[in-house]
Structures are given as C-alpha cells and as structure tokens.
Amino acid sequence: MNTPSDFDHDLRQLHAASLGAVSPQTLARLRSARHGTATRPRHGRTFAWLGATACTAVLAVVVATQLLPTYRAVPATSQPATIAAQASDDAGDFVSTADVLDQNPDLYVWLGSDASLAME
C-alpha cells in the first residue's frame, strides 16, 4: 500500500517531468505575464475606497442636517412683536417650584408627620 510520502514523491517527479516538457517560449511568456501583473498599479481599489469615503461623507452630512434644528426666518419688521409673543407664551407654561409649594401646604404637613418615616 502507498503511504502519503510515496504519493507526494511520485507527484513531485511527475511535476518535474512536466516542467521539462514545456517549451522555453511558453516559459518566457508565463514569466513576463507573472511579472507584468505585479508591477501594474491597482487603480480599482483606490477608486473604490475614494467612492466609499465620499458616500460615507455625503451620508453623514445628510444625517447631520436632518438632526439639526430648523429655524424659520422672521422679517426684521415683525421680529420684536414675535419675540414678545413667544416670551408671553413661554411664561404661561412655566410653573415655579415656589408657587407649587405655596399653593399646596399639605406637602409640609406630610413632611412633618410620621407618615414620612414609612417611606424610608
């Protein structure tokens, strides 16, 4: 029975015999083709990386512009009236903490009672 080392030895002999049968012209063409591809620059990968970088940059700009708040242009003549109207609207929404505590004295009663110990 053949062992793996015998099989390997037989294949190496067969390969050496086949290399002896190849013409010198064919060997010269194979060498020139092999060395020609190694010296040729690879432009495809460079352009692929540049294209991918450009697409990523465009996507980042689009996402950033979507996340930024948008401001409406206000004409200069109506600007003080608009600011005053916005200030009065915002003032109505804000409730100070002192106002809440002044309007609800039960909070102070609850803090002074023994019920506050049950929450601990």
Protein backbone atom coordinates (compact mmCIF):
# COMPACT_ATOMS: atom_id res chain seq x y z
CA MET A 1 0.00 0.00 0.00
CA ASN A 2 1.24 3.50 -0.82
CA THR A 3 1.95 5.89 2.03
CA PRO A 4 1.36 9.66 1.79
CA SER A 5 5.10 10.27 1.46
CA ASP A 6 5.29 7.89 -1.56
CA PHE A 7 2.33 9.67 -3.15
CA ASP A 8 3.97 13.06 -2.59
CA HIS A 9 7.28 11.84 -4.03
CA ASP A 10 5.54 10.45 -7.14
CA LEU A 11 3.70 13.72 -7.73
CA ARG A 12 6.89 15.75 -7.39
CA GLN A 13 8.58 13.56 -10.02
CA LEU A 14 5.59 13.94 -12.33
CA HIS A 15 5.65 17.72 -11.89
CA ALA A 16 9.38 17.91 -12.64
CA ALA A 17 8.90 15.84 -15.79
CA SER A 18 6.05 18.09 -16.98
CA LEU A 19 8.17 21.22 -16.42
CA GLY A 20 10.88 19.69 -18.63
CA ALA A 21 8.33 19.26 -21.44
CA VAL A 22 7.26 22.94 -21.53
CA SER A 23 8.85 24.93 -24.35
CA PRO A 24 11.17 27.87 -23.49
CA GLN A 25 8.88 30.30 -25.37
CA THR A 26 5.93 29.30 -23.19
CA LEU A 27 8.00 29.64 -20.03
CA ALA A 28 9.14 33.13 -21.14
CA ARG A 29 5.54 34.22 -21.78
CA LEU A 30 4.46 32.87 -18.39
CA ARG A 31 7.29 34.72 -16.62
CA SER A 32 6.55 38.00 -18.39
CA ALA A 33 2.84 37.71 -17.61
CA ARG A 34 3.55 36.93 -13.96
CA HIS A 35 5.95 39.87 -13.55
CA GLY A 36 3.77 42.24 -15.59
CA THR A 37 0.78 41.92 -13.28
CA ALA A 38 2.88 42.51 -10.17
CA THR A 39 4.18 45.89 -11.40
CA ARG A 40 0.85 47.17 -12.74
CA PRO A 41 -0.83 49.60 -10.31
CA ARG A 42 -4.22 48.63 -8.95
CA HIS A 43 -6.45 51.62 -9.64
CA GLY A 44 -9.69 49.79 -8.98
CA ARG A 45 -9.18 49.56 -5.24
CA THR A 46 -8.09 53.17 -4.92
CA PHE A 47 -11.21 54.44 -6.66
CA ALA A 48 -13.37 52.06 -4.66
CA TRP A 49 -12.02 53.42 -1.38
CA LEU A 50 -12.44 57.01 -2.55
CA GLY A 51 -16.00 56.29 -3.65
CA ALA A 52 -16.86 54.62 -0.36
CA THR A 53 -15.37 57.52 1.60
CA ALA A 54 -17.30 60.07 -0.47
CA CYS A 55 -20.59 58.19 0.01
CA THR A 56 -19.99 57.98 3.74
CA ALA A 57 -19.27 61.71 3.93
CA VAL A 58 -22.44 62.56 1.99
CA LEU A 59 -24.49 60.29 4.25
CA ALA A 60 -23.00 61.93 7.36
CA VAL A 61 -23.89 65.39 6.04
CA VAL A 62 -27.46 64.32 5.25
CA VAL A 63 -27.93 62.81 8.72
CA ALA A 64 -26.41 65.86 10.40
CA THR A 65 -28.69 68.24 8.52
CA GLN A 66 -31.72 66.19 9.47
CA LEU A 67 -30.79 66.26 13.15
CA LEU A 68 -30.08 69.99 13.36
CA PRO A 69 -32.99 72.16 14.44
CA THR A 70 -34.59 74.26 11.73
CA TYR A 71 -35.14 77.97 12.19
CA ARG A 72 -37.68 79.99 10.29
CA ALA A 73 -36.60 83.35 9.01
CA VAL A 74 -38.53 86.19 10.63
CA PRO A 75 -38.79 89.51 8.83
CA ALA A 76 -36.91 92.30 10.60
CA THR A 77 -40.01 94.49 10.97
CA SER A 78 -42.06 91.94 12.91
CA GLN A 79 -39.22 90.50 14.96
CA PRO A 80 -39.80 92.39 18.28
CA ALA A 81 -43.51 91.55 18.26
CA THR A 82 -42.77 87.88 17.59
CA ILE A 83 -40.21 87.69 20.37
CA ALA A 84 -42.63 89.33 22.81
CA ALA A 85 -45.40 86.91 21.79
CA GLN A 86 -43.10 83.93 22.26
CA ALA A 87 -41.94 85.21 25.64
CA SER A 88 -45.52 85.59 26.86
CA ASP A 89 -46.41 82.07 25.64
CA ASP A 90 -43.37 80.55 27.33
CA ALA A 91 -44.05 82.42 30.57
CA GLY A 92 -47.52 80.88 30.79
CA ASP A 93 -46.11 77.34 30.53
CA PHE A 94 -43.50 77.76 33.27
CA VAL A 95 -44.57 77.00 36.84
CA SER A 96 -42.06 77.75 39.55
CA THR A 97 -41.44 75.33 42.40
CA ALA A 98 -42.11 78.03 44.98
CA ASP A 99 -45.59 78.60 43.52
CA VAL A 100 -46.41 74.89 43.78
CA LEU A 101 -45.26 74.71 47.40
CA ASP A 102 -47.15 77.88 48.33
CA GLN A 103 -50.37 76.56 46.78
CA ASN A 104 -50.15 73.10 48.37
CA PRO A 105 -49.40 73.30 52.12
CA ASP A 106 -50.30 69.63 52.58
CA LEU A 107 -46.78 68.79 51.50
CA TYR A 108 -45.38 70.46 54.60
CA VAL A 109 -47.92 68.65 56.77
CA TRP A 110 -46.92 65.33 55.23
CA LEU A 111 -43.22 66.04 55.75
CA GLY A 112 -43.82 66.83 59.43
CA SER A 113 -45.94 63.75 60.08
CA ASP A 114 -44.89 60.22 60.99
CA ALA A 115 -46.03 59.00 57.57
CA SER A 116 -42.75 60.20 56.10
CA LEU A 117 -40.97 57.53 58.12
CA ALA A 118 -42.93 54.82 56.35
CA MET A 119 -41.45 55.94 53.05
CA GLU A 120 -37.86 55.34 54.20
